[in-house]
Amino acid sequence: MVTAIGANPGLLTGLESPNVTRPGSGAAQAESAGGVDFGKAMASAVDRTEQYQAASDQKVYEVMSGQDQDYAGMMVALEEANITLRAMGSVRDKFVEAYQSIWNMPV
């Protein structure tokens, strides 16, 4: 998940100081100021979600095949995968909602 965008909240708008009237390139600006590129942060979150899913699949396979008897560990892995998947679904829903709000803005 995205945990932090950066120390400067102005990176979201491109307005770091009162003298800036027009934002420049958002990606270049964020990287030069030490912020996190939003696309990279989202890709990282999706990758972590996939890792949790794969780990839970592996744990279930090990328990079901008799290689491991750690049922509690399997349940923990399944719940971690479930939580991350639900969180990514919530993020997706918020993106769709924001897109629809922008699309429906009067111009």
N, C-alpha and C. Protein backbone atom coordinates (compact mmCIF):
# COMPACT_ATOMS: atom_id res chain seq x y z
N MET A 1 0.82 -1.17 0.00
CA MET A 1 0.00 0.00 0.00
C MET A 1 0.87 1.24 0.00
N VAL A 2 0.28 2.31 -0.37
CA VAL A 2 0.99 3.57 -0.37
C VAL A 2 1.02 4.07 1.06
N THR A 3 2.21 4.16 1.63
CA THR A 3 2.31 4.58 3.02
C THR A 3 2.66 6.05 3.17
N ALA A 4 3.44 6.60 2.24
CA ALA A 4 3.82 8.00 2.34
C ALA A 4 4.09 8.55 0.96
N ILE A 5 3.73 9.79 0.76
CA ILE A 5 3.99 10.41 -0.51
C ILE A 5 5.27 11.23 -0.45
N GLY A 6 5.55 11.80 0.64
CA GLY A 6 6.76 12.60 0.80
C GLY A 6 6.57 13.59 1.93
N ALA A 7 7.63 14.27 2.24
CA ALA A 7 7.58 15.22 3.34
C ALA A 7 6.86 16.50 2.94
N ASN A 8 6.81 16.79 1.66
CA ASN A 8 6.24 18.04 1.19
C ASN A 8 4.85 17.81 0.61
N PRO A 9 3.78 18.27 1.27
CA PRO A 9 2.44 18.05 0.74
C PRO A 9 2.20 18.82 -0.55
N GLY A 10 3.02 19.78 -0.88
CA GLY A 10 2.88 20.52 -2.12
C GLY A 10 3.15 19.69 -3.35
N LEU A 11 3.76 18.53 -3.19
CA LEU A 11 4.03 17.68 -4.33
C LEU A 11 2.76 17.19 -5.00
N LEU A 12 1.69 17.12 -4.23
CA LEU A 12 0.43 16.67 -4.81
C LEU A 12 -0.11 17.68 -5.81
N THR A 13 0.13 18.95 -5.56
CA THR A 13 -0.41 19.98 -6.43
C THR A 13 0.66 20.62 -7.31
N GLY A 14 1.91 20.43 -6.97
CA GLY A 14 2.99 21.08 -7.72
C GLY A 14 3.28 22.47 -7.19
N LEU A 15 2.64 22.87 -6.11
CA LEU A 15 2.81 24.21 -5.57
C LEU A 15 3.60 24.14 -4.26
N GLU A 16 4.91 24.01 -4.37
CA GLU A 16 5.75 23.89 -3.18
C GLU A 16 5.92 25.22 -2.46
N SER A 17 5.91 26.28 -3.22
CA SER A 17 6.12 27.58 -2.61
C SER A 17 5.09 28.56 -3.15
N PRO A 18 4.87 29.67 -2.47
CA PRO A 18 3.88 30.63 -2.94
C PRO A 18 4.25 31.26 -4.28
N ASN A 19 5.53 31.21 -4.67
CA ASN A 19 5.95 31.83 -5.92
C ASN A 19 5.65 30.98 -7.14
N VAL A 20 5.35 29.71 -6.93
CA VAL A 20 5.06 28.83 -8.05
C VAL A 20 3.61 29.00 -8.44
N THR A 21 3.38 29.40 -9.68
CA THR A 21 2.01 29.61 -10.12
C THR A 21 1.53 28.53 -11.05
N ARG A 22 2.45 27.79 -11.65
CA ARG A 22 2.05 26.76 -12.58
C ARG A 22 2.90 25.52 -12.34
N PRO A 23 2.27 24.38 -12.09
CA PRO A 23 3.06 23.18 -11.83
C PRO A 23 3.82 22.73 -13.07
N GLY A 24 5.02 22.18 -12.83
CA GLY A 24 5.80 21.62 -13.91
C GLY A 24 5.46 20.17 -14.11
N SER A 25 6.40 19.41 -14.58
CA SER A 25 6.20 17.98 -14.77
C SER A 25 6.08 17.32 -13.40
N GLY A 26 4.92 16.71 -13.13
CA GLY A 26 4.66 16.12 -11.82
C GLY A 26 5.63 15.02 -11.47
N ALA A 27 5.92 14.09 -12.40
CA ALA A 27 6.81 12.97 -12.11
C ALA A 27 8.23 13.44 -11.85
N ALA A 28 8.73 14.31 -12.70
CA ALA A 28 10.09 14.82 -12.54
C ALA A 28 10.19 15.65 -11.26
N GLN A 29 9.14 16.41 -10.97
CA GLN A 29 9.13 17.24 -9.78
C GLN A 29 9.13 16.38 -8.53
N ALA A 30 8.34 15.32 -8.51
CA ALA A 30 8.26 14.45 -7.33
C ALA A 30 9.58 13.73 -7.10
N GLU A 31 10.20 13.24 -8.16
CA GLU A 31 11.46 12.52 -8.00
C GLU A 31 12.58 13.45 -7.56
N SER A 32 12.59 14.69 -8.09
CA SER A 32 13.67 15.61 -7.73
C SER A 32 13.52 16.09 -6.29
N ALA A 33 12.30 16.12 -5.77
CA ALA A 33 12.08 16.59 -4.41
C ALA A 33 12.14 15.45 -3.39
N GLY A 34 12.41 14.25 -3.85
CA GLY A 34 12.53 13.13 -2.93
C GLY A 34 11.22 12.43 -2.64
N GLY A 35 10.15 12.76 -3.36
CA GLY A 35 8.86 12.11 -3.17
C GLY A 35 8.81 10.78 -3.88
N VAL A 36 7.71 10.11 -3.76
CA VAL A 36 7.51 8.81 -4.37
C VAL A 36 6.68 8.97 -5.64
N ASP A 37 7.11 8.32 -6.71
CA ASP A 37 6.33 8.32 -7.93
C ASP A 37 5.09 7.47 -7.69
N PHE A 38 3.92 8.03 -7.92
CA PHE A 38 2.67 7.36 -7.59
C PHE A 38 2.50 6.07 -8.37
N GLY A 39 2.85 6.07 -9.63
CA GLY A 39 2.74 4.86 -10.45
C GLY A 39 3.61 3.74 -9.91
N LYS A 40 4.82 4.09 -9.50
CA LYS A 40 5.72 3.07 -8.94
C LYS A 40 5.18 2.55 -7.61
N ALA A 41 4.62 3.44 -6.81
CA ALA A 41 4.06 3.02 -5.52
C ALA A 41 2.88 2.06 -5.73
N MET A 42 2.05 2.35 -6.71
CA MET A 42 0.91 1.46 -6.99
C MET A 42 1.39 0.13 -7.54
N ALA A 43 2.38 0.14 -8.43
CA ALA A 43 2.92 -1.11 -8.96
C ALA A 43 3.52 -1.95 -7.85
N SER A 44 4.18 -1.30 -6.92
CA SER A 44 4.76 -2.00 -5.78
C SER A 44 3.66 -2.62 -4.90
N ALA A 45 2.58 -1.90 -4.69
CA ALA A 45 1.47 -2.42 -3.89
C ALA A 45 0.82 -3.62 -4.57
N VAL A 46 0.66 -3.56 -5.87
CA VAL A 46 0.09 -4.69 -6.61
C VAL A 46 1.02 -5.90 -6.53
N ASP A 47 2.32 -5.65 -6.65
CA ASP A 47 3.30 -6.74 -6.55
C ASP A 47 3.24 -7.40 -5.17
N ARG A 48 3.15 -6.60 -4.12
CA ARG A 48 3.07 -7.16 -2.77
C ARG A 48 1.79 -7.97 -2.59
N THR A 49 0.69 -7.50 -3.17
CA THR A 49 -0.56 -8.24 -3.10
C THR A 49 -0.42 -9.59 -3.78
N GLU A 50 0.22 -9.60 -4.94
CA GLU A 50 0.45 -10.86 -5.65
C GLU A 50 1.36 -11.78 -4.85
N GLN A 51 2.35 -11.22 -4.16
CA GLN A 51 3.24 -12.04 -3.33
C GLN A 51 2.47 -12.70 -2.17
N TYR A 52 1.58 -11.94 -1.54
CA TYR A 52 0.77 -12.51 -0.47
C TYR A 52 -0.13 -13.63 -1.01
N GLN A 53 -0.70 -13.41 -2.19
CA GLN A 53 -1.55 -14.44 -2.79
C GLN A 53 -0.75 -15.70 -3.09
N ALA A 54 0.43 -15.54 -3.65
CA ALA A 54 1.27 -16.69 -3.97
C ALA A 54 1.73 -17.42 -2.70
N ALA A 55 2.07 -16.65 -1.66
CA ALA A 55 2.50 -17.27 -0.40
C ALA A 55 1.36 -18.06 0.23
N SER A 56 0.14 -17.53 0.17
CA SER A 56 -0.98 -18.27 0.74
C SER A 56 -1.29 -19.51 -0.08
N ASP A 57 -1.18 -19.42 -1.40
CA ASP A 57 -1.38 -20.60 -2.25
C ASP A 57 -0.36 -21.67 -1.91
N GLN A 58 0.89 -21.28 -1.73
CA GLN A 58 1.95 -22.23 -1.40
C GLN A 58 1.70 -22.88 -0.04
N LYS A 59 1.28 -22.07 0.92
CA LYS A 59 1.03 -22.59 2.27
C LYS A 59 -0.14 -23.59 2.25
N VAL A 60 -1.20 -23.27 1.52
CA VAL A 60 -2.33 -24.18 1.41
C VAL A 60 -1.89 -25.48 0.73
N TYR A 61 -1.10 -25.37 -0.32
CA TYR A 61 -0.60 -26.57 -1.01
C TYR A 61 0.21 -27.45 -0.06
N GLU A 62 1.09 -26.83 0.73
CA GLU A 62 1.93 -27.60 1.66
C GLU A 62 1.09 -28.33 2.71
N VAL A 63 0.07 -27.64 3.22
CA VAL A 63 -0.77 -28.28 4.24
C VAL A 63 -1.63 -29.38 3.62
N MET A 64 -2.20 -29.12 2.45
CA MET A 64 -3.08 -30.10 1.83
C MET A 64 -2.33 -31.32 1.33
N SER A 65 -1.07 -31.16 0.95
CA SER A 65 -0.29 -32.30 0.47
C SER A 65 0.38 -33.06 1.60
N GLY A 66 0.27 -32.58 2.82
CA GLY A 66 0.84 -33.27 3.96
C GLY A 66 2.29 -32.92 4.24
N GLN A 67 2.85 -31.98 3.52
CA GLN A 67 4.24 -31.58 3.74
C GLN A 67 4.39 -30.77 5.03
N ASP A 68 3.32 -30.13 5.46
CA ASP A 68 3.36 -29.25 6.62
C ASP A 68 2.08 -29.46 7.42
N GLN A 69 2.16 -29.33 8.72
CA GLN A 69 0.99 -29.47 9.59
C GLN A 69 0.64 -28.15 10.27
N ASP A 70 1.15 -27.05 9.76
CA ASP A 70 0.95 -25.73 10.37
C ASP A 70 -0.36 -25.12 9.88
N TYR A 71 -1.47 -25.56 10.48
CA TYR A 71 -2.78 -25.06 10.08
C TYR A 71 -2.97 -23.59 10.45
N ALA A 72 -2.43 -23.21 11.59
CA ALA A 72 -2.55 -21.81 12.01
C ALA A 72 -1.78 -20.90 11.05
N GLY A 73 -0.59 -21.34 10.64
CA GLY A 73 0.18 -20.56 9.67
C GLY A 73 -0.54 -20.44 8.34
N MET A 74 -1.22 -21.51 7.95
CA MET A 74 -1.99 -21.47 6.70
C MET A 74 -3.13 -20.46 6.82
N MET A 75 -3.82 -20.46 7.95
CA MET A 75 -4.93 -19.52 8.13
C MET A 75 -4.44 -18.08 8.18
N VAL A 76 -3.29 -17.86 8.80
CA VAL A 76 -2.72 -16.51 8.84
C VAL A 76 -2.36 -16.06 7.43
N ALA A 77 -1.75 -16.94 6.64
CA ALA A 77 -1.37 -16.59 5.27
C ALA A 77 -2.61 -16.30 4.43
N LEU A 78 -3.66 -17.09 4.60
CA LEU A 78 -4.91 -16.84 3.87
C LEU A 78 -5.53 -15.51 4.26
N GLU A 79 -5.50 -15.19 5.55
CA GLU A 79 -6.09 -13.93 6.00
C GLU A 79 -5.27 -12.74 5.52
N GLU A 80 -3.95 -12.85 5.54
CA GLU A 80 -3.11 -11.76 5.00
C GLU A 80 -3.42 -11.52 3.52
N ALA A 81 -3.55 -12.61 2.77
CA ALA A 81 -3.87 -12.47 1.35
C ALA A 81 -5.25 -11.85 1.17
N ASN A 82 -6.20 -12.24 2.00
CA ASN A 82 -7.55 -11.70 1.93
C ASN A 82 -7.56 -10.20 2.24
N ILE A 83 -6.84 -9.80 3.27
CA ILE A 83 -6.80 -8.39 3.66
C ILE A 83 -6.17 -7.54 2.56
N THR A 84 -5.05 -8.00 2.01
CA THR A 84 -4.40 -7.20 0.96
C THR A 84 -5.27 -7.12 -0.28
N LEU A 85 -5.97 -8.20 -0.62
CA LEU A 85 -6.83 -8.17 -1.79
C LEU A 85 -8.01 -7.23 -1.58
N ARG A 86 -8.60 -7.25 -0.39
CA ARG A 86 -9.70 -6.32 -0.10
C ARG A 86 -9.22 -4.87 -0.11
N ALA A 87 -8.02 -4.63 0.40
CA ALA A 87 -7.48 -3.27 0.40
C ALA A 87 -7.26 -2.78 -1.02
N MET A 88 -6.72 -3.64 -1.89
CA MET A 88 -6.53 -3.23 -3.29
C MET A 88 -7.86 -2.99 -3.98
N GLY A 89 -8.88 -3.76 -3.62
CA GLY A 89 -10.22 -3.52 -4.17
C GLY A 89 -10.76 -2.17 -3.73
N SER A 90 -10.50 -1.81 -2.49
CA SER A 90 -10.95 -0.50 -1.99
C SER A 90 -10.22 0.63 -2.70
N VAL A 91 -8.93 0.45 -2.94
CA VAL A 91 -8.16 1.47 -3.66
C VAL A 91 -8.71 1.62 -5.07
N ARG A 92 -8.98 0.49 -5.72
CA ARG A 92 -9.56 0.53 -7.06
C ARG A 92 -10.88 1.27 -7.07
N ASP A 93 -11.75 0.99 -6.09
CA ASP A 93 -13.05 1.66 -6.02
C ASP A 93 -12.89 3.17 -5.84
N LYS A 94 -11.91 3.58 -5.03
CA LYS A 94 -11.67 5.02 -4.83
C LYS A 94 -11.17 5.68 -6.12
N PHE A 95 -10.33 4.96 -6.87
CA PHE A 95 -9.86 5.50 -8.15
C PHE A 95 -11.01 5.68 -9.12
N VAL A 96 -11.88 4.70 -9.19
CA VAL A 96 -13.03 4.79 -10.09
C VAL A 96 -13.93 5.94 -9.67
N GLU A 97 -14.16 6.07 -8.38
CA GLU A 97 -14.98 7.16 -7.87
C GLU A 97 -14.36 8.52 -8.20
N ALA A 98 -13.05 8.66 -8.02
CA ALA A 98 -12.38 9.92 -8.34
C ALA A 98 -12.44 10.21 -9.83
N TYR A 99 -12.25 9.18 -10.66
CA TYR A 99 -12.32 9.35 -12.11
C TYR A 99 -13.70 9.83 -12.52
N GLN A 100 -14.74 9.21 -11.95
CA GLN A 100 -16.10 9.60 -12.29
C GLN A 100 -16.39 11.02 -11.83
N SER A 101 -15.87 11.41 -10.68
CA SER A 101 -16.06 12.79 -10.19
C SER A 101 -15.41 13.80 -11.13
N ILE A 102 -14.21 13.48 -11.58
CA ILE A 102 -13.52 14.38 -12.51
C ILE A 102 -14.24 14.42 -13.84
N TRP A 103 -14.69 13.28 -14.31
CA TRP A 103 -15.37 13.20 -15.61
C TRP A 103 -16.66 13.99 -15.60
N ASN A 104 -17.37 14.01 -14.46
CA ASN A 104 -18.65 14.69 -14.37
C ASN A 104 -18.54 16.15 -13.97
N MET A 105 -17.32 16.68 -13.82
CA MET A 105 -17.14 18.08 -13.46
C MET A 105 -17.59 18.98 -14.59
N PRO A 106 -18.33 20.01 -14.25
CA PRO A 106 -18.67 20.97 -15.30
C PRO A 106 -17.45 21.77 -15.72
N VAL A 107 -17.36 22.02 -17.01
CA VAL A 107 -16.20 22.73 -17.52
C VAL A 107 -16.57 24.14 -17.89
